[in-house]
Amino acid sequence: MQDLLRNTGVSSSSTYHFLPGGKEELVASAVRDSGLTSAAQIAEVMNEHDPATAVTRIFEAAAEEVRSHDFTLDCPIGVTATEAAHDSPKRHTARRHIEMRRA
């Protein structure tokens, strides 16, 4: 959290005012936003193309994004789910978004 505050120039008091849950709440929010953004992008592609073309385009876009980051880009939901403590709110948030994507 200190690295984030230092790199963004945001004060810790402002951060904890808007995110009283600290790091756990920040990560849960980022995972939620990432999941919602991905779901919206997938829905848009699915609405514009037949299923086979849509799936192909989704995977092509994901592969290009990974390539454009020199293969260092991690999945924010997967990383959070695997690194969080078993009973962590972050893990539960990540699990809900994974389940949402399966629906």
C-alpha atoms as a PDB file:
ATOM      1  CA  MET A   1       0.000   0.000   0.000  1.00  0.00           C
ATOM      2  CA  GLN A   2       2.873   2.349   0.772  1.00  0.00           C
ATOM      3  CA  ASP A   3       4.317   1.823  -2.724  1.00  0.00           C
ATOM      4  CA  LEU A   4       0.954   2.694  -4.248  1.00  0.00           C
ATOM      5  CA  LEU A   5       0.619   5.847  -2.153  1.00  0.00           C
ATOM      6  CA  ARG A   6       4.183   6.911  -2.963  1.00  0.00           C
ATOM      7  CA  ASN A   7       3.772   6.313  -6.702  1.00  0.00           C
ATOM      8  CA  THR A   8       0.407   8.052  -6.986  1.00  0.00           C
ATOM      9  CA  GLY A   9       1.061  10.955  -4.636  1.00  0.00           C
ATOM     10  CA  VAL A  10      -2.221  10.294  -2.849  1.00  0.00           C
ATOM     11  CA  SER A  11      -2.174  10.803   0.892  1.00  0.00           C
ATOM     12  CA  SER A  12      -2.873   7.863   3.160  1.00  0.00           C
ATOM     13  CA  SER A  13      -5.610   9.846   4.938  1.00  0.00           C
ATOM     14  CA  SER A  14      -7.453  10.359   1.630  1.00  0.00           C
ATOM     15  CA  THR A  15      -7.048   6.715   0.717  1.00  0.00           C
ATOM     16  CA  TYR A  16      -8.365   5.460   4.041  1.00  0.00           C
ATOM     17  CA  HIS A  17     -11.197   8.001   3.969  1.00  0.00           C
ATOM     18  CA  PHE A  18     -12.516   6.601   0.678  1.00  0.00           C
ATOM     19  CA  LEU A  19     -11.325   3.037   1.298  1.00  0.00           C
ATOM     20  CA  PRO A  20     -11.666   2.464   5.054  1.00  0.00           C
ATOM     21  CA  GLY A  21     -10.989  -1.239   4.510  1.00  0.00           C
ATOM     22  CA  GLY A  22      -7.487  -0.367   3.285  1.00  0.00           C
ATOM     23  CA  LYS A  23      -5.668  -2.755   0.988  1.00  0.00           C
ATOM     24  CA  GLU A  24      -8.379  -5.416   1.168  1.00  0.00           C
ATOM     25  CA  GLU A  25     -11.035  -2.948   0.012  1.00  0.00           C
ATOM     26  CA  LEU A  26      -8.785  -1.479  -2.687  1.00  0.00           C
ATOM     27  CA  VAL A  27      -8.023  -4.899  -4.155  1.00  0.00           C
ATOM     28  CA  ALA A  28     -11.662  -6.002  -3.934  1.00  0.00           C
ATOM     29  CA  SER A  29     -12.686  -2.836  -5.775  1.00  0.00           C
ATOM     30  CA  ALA A  30     -10.054  -3.351  -8.475  1.00  0.00           C
ATOM     31  CA  VAL A  31     -11.092  -6.979  -8.965  1.00  0.00           C
ATOM     32  CA  ARG A  32     -14.767  -5.991  -9.146  1.00  0.00           C
ATOM     33  CA  ASP A  33     -14.078  -3.242 -11.684  1.00  0.00           C
ATOM     34  CA  SER A  34     -11.878  -5.526 -13.766  1.00  0.00           C
ATOM     35  CA  GLY A  35     -14.558  -8.212 -13.778  1.00  0.00           C
ATOM     36  CA  LEU A  36     -17.300  -5.773 -14.751  1.00  0.00           C
ATOM     37  CA  THR A  37     -15.166  -4.268 -17.533  1.00  0.00           C
ATOM     38  CA  SER A  38     -14.295  -7.697 -18.920  1.00  0.00           C
ATOM     39  CA  ALA A  39     -17.907  -8.866 -18.743  1.00  0.00           C
ATOM     40  CA  ALA A  40     -19.082  -5.754 -20.619  1.00  0.00           C
ATOM     41  CA  GLN A  41     -16.415  -6.207 -23.302  1.00  0.00           C
ATOM     42  CA  ILE A  42     -17.307  -9.875 -23.741  1.00  0.00           C
ATOM     43  CA  ALA A  43     -21.028  -9.089 -23.923  1.00  0.00           C
ATOM     44  CA  GLU A  44     -20.386  -6.442 -26.576  1.00  0.00           C
ATOM     45  CA  VAL A  45     -18.391  -8.848 -28.753  1.00  0.00           C
ATOM     46  CA  MET A  46     -20.979 -11.604 -28.255  1.00  0.00           C
ATOM     47  CA  ASN A  47     -23.761  -9.226 -29.347  1.00  0.00           C
ATOM     48  CA  GLU A  48     -21.896  -8.180 -32.499  1.00  0.00           C
ATOM     49  CA  HIS A  49     -20.787 -11.595 -33.789  1.00  0.00           C
ATOM     50  CA  ASP A  50     -21.862 -15.187 -34.098  1.00  0.00           C
ATOM     51  CA  PRO A  51     -20.603 -17.335 -31.186  1.00  0.00           C
ATOM     52  CA  ALA A  52     -17.615 -18.869 -33.015  1.00  0.00           C
ATOM     53  CA  THR A  53     -16.366 -15.510 -34.295  1.00  0.00           C
ATOM     54  CA  ALA A  54     -16.974 -13.867 -30.915  1.00  0.00           C
ATOM     55  CA  VAL A  55     -14.953 -16.482 -29.032  1.00  0.00           C
ATOM     56  CA  THR A  56     -12.149 -16.221 -31.581  1.00  0.00           C
ATOM     57  CA  ARG A  57     -12.062 -12.419 -31.262  1.00  0.00           C
ATOM     58  CA  ILE A  58     -12.100 -12.557 -27.452  1.00  0.00           C
ATOM     59  CA  PHE A  59      -9.122 -14.924 -27.370  1.00  0.00           C
ATOM     60  CA  GLU A  60      -7.260 -12.957 -30.041  1.00  0.00           C
ATOM     61  CA  ALA A  61      -7.740  -9.739 -28.033  1.00  0.00           C
ATOM     62  CA  ALA A  62      -6.564 -11.418 -24.829  1.00  0.00           C
ATOM     63  CA  ALA A  63      -3.494 -12.846 -26.568  1.00  0.00           C
ATOM     64  CA  GLU A  64      -2.636  -9.446 -28.063  1.00  0.00           C
ATOM     65  CA  GLU A  65      -2.930  -7.768 -24.679  1.00  0.00           C
ATOM     66  CA  VAL A  66      -0.563 -10.305 -23.117  1.00  0.00           C
ATOM     67  CA  ARG A  67       1.883  -9.914 -26.035  1.00  0.00           C
ATOM     68  CA  SER A  68       1.746  -6.108 -25.830  1.00  0.00           C
ATOM     69  CA  HIS A  69       2.853  -6.345 -22.190  1.00  0.00           C
ATOM     70  CA  ASP A  70       5.763  -8.630 -23.094  1.00  0.00           C
ATOM     71  CA  PHE A  71       4.027 -11.617 -21.485  1.00  0.00           C
ATOM     72  CA  THR A  72       4.229 -10.058 -17.996  1.00  0.00           C
ATOM     73  CA  LEU A  73       0.525  -9.229 -17.649  1.00  0.00           C
ATOM     74  CA  ASP A  74      -1.251 -11.211 -14.945  1.00  0.00           C
ATOM     75  CA  CYS A  75      -4.942 -11.826 -14.513  1.00  0.00           C
ATOM     76  CA  PRO A  76      -6.062  -9.575 -11.638  1.00  0.00           C
ATOM     77  CA  ILE A  77      -8.816 -11.957 -10.608  1.00  0.00           C
ATOM     78  CA  GLY A  78      -6.697 -15.106 -10.792  1.00  0.00           C
ATOM     79  CA  VAL A  79      -3.747 -13.594  -8.943  1.00  0.00           C
ATOM     80  CA  THR A  80      -5.987 -12.219  -6.207  1.00  0.00           C
ATOM     81  CA  ALA A  81      -7.822 -15.499  -5.815  1.00  0.00           C
ATOM     82  CA  THR A  82      -4.649 -17.540  -5.494  1.00  0.00           C
ATOM     83  CA  GLU A  83      -2.682 -15.135  -3.275  1.00  0.00           C
ATOM     84  CA  ALA A  84      -5.418 -14.147  -0.823  1.00  0.00           C
ATOM     85  CA  ALA A  85      -5.977 -15.964   2.430  1.00  0.00           C
ATOM     86  CA  HIS A  86      -8.673 -18.633   2.199  1.00  0.00           C
ATOM     87  CA  ASP A  87     -11.223 -16.568   4.163  1.00  0.00           C
ATOM     88  CA  SER A  88     -10.177 -13.199   2.727  1.00  0.00           C
ATOM     89  CA  PRO A  89     -12.804 -10.808   1.351  1.00  0.00           C
ATOM     90  CA  LYS A  90     -10.533 -10.431  -1.708  1.00  0.00           C
ATOM     91  CA  ARG A  91     -10.784 -14.144  -2.387  1.00  0.00           C
ATOM     92  CA  HIS A  92     -14.576 -14.090  -2.050  1.00  0.00           C
ATOM     93  CA  THR A  93     -14.816 -11.115  -4.434  1.00  0.00           C
ATOM     94  CA  ALA A  94     -12.583 -12.855  -6.970  1.00  0.00           C
ATOM     95  CA  ARG A  95     -14.613 -16.054  -6.667  1.00  0.00           C
ATOM     96  CA  ARG A  96     -17.900 -14.173  -7.247  1.00  0.00           C
ATOM     97  CA  HIS A  97     -16.512 -12.625 -10.432  1.00  0.00           C
ATOM     98  CA  ILE A  98     -15.184 -15.940 -11.695  1.00  0.00           C
ATOM     99  CA  GLU A  99     -18.606 -17.494 -11.073  1.00  0.00           C
ATOM    100  CA  MET A 100     -20.289 -14.507 -12.776  1.00  0.00           C
ATOM    101  CA  ARG A 101     -18.181 -15.099 -15.894  1.00  0.00           C
ATOM    102  CA  ARG A 102     -19.237 -18.750 -15.965  1.00  0.00           C
ATOM    103  CA  ALA A 103     -22.954 -17.867 -15.888  1.00  0.00           C
END
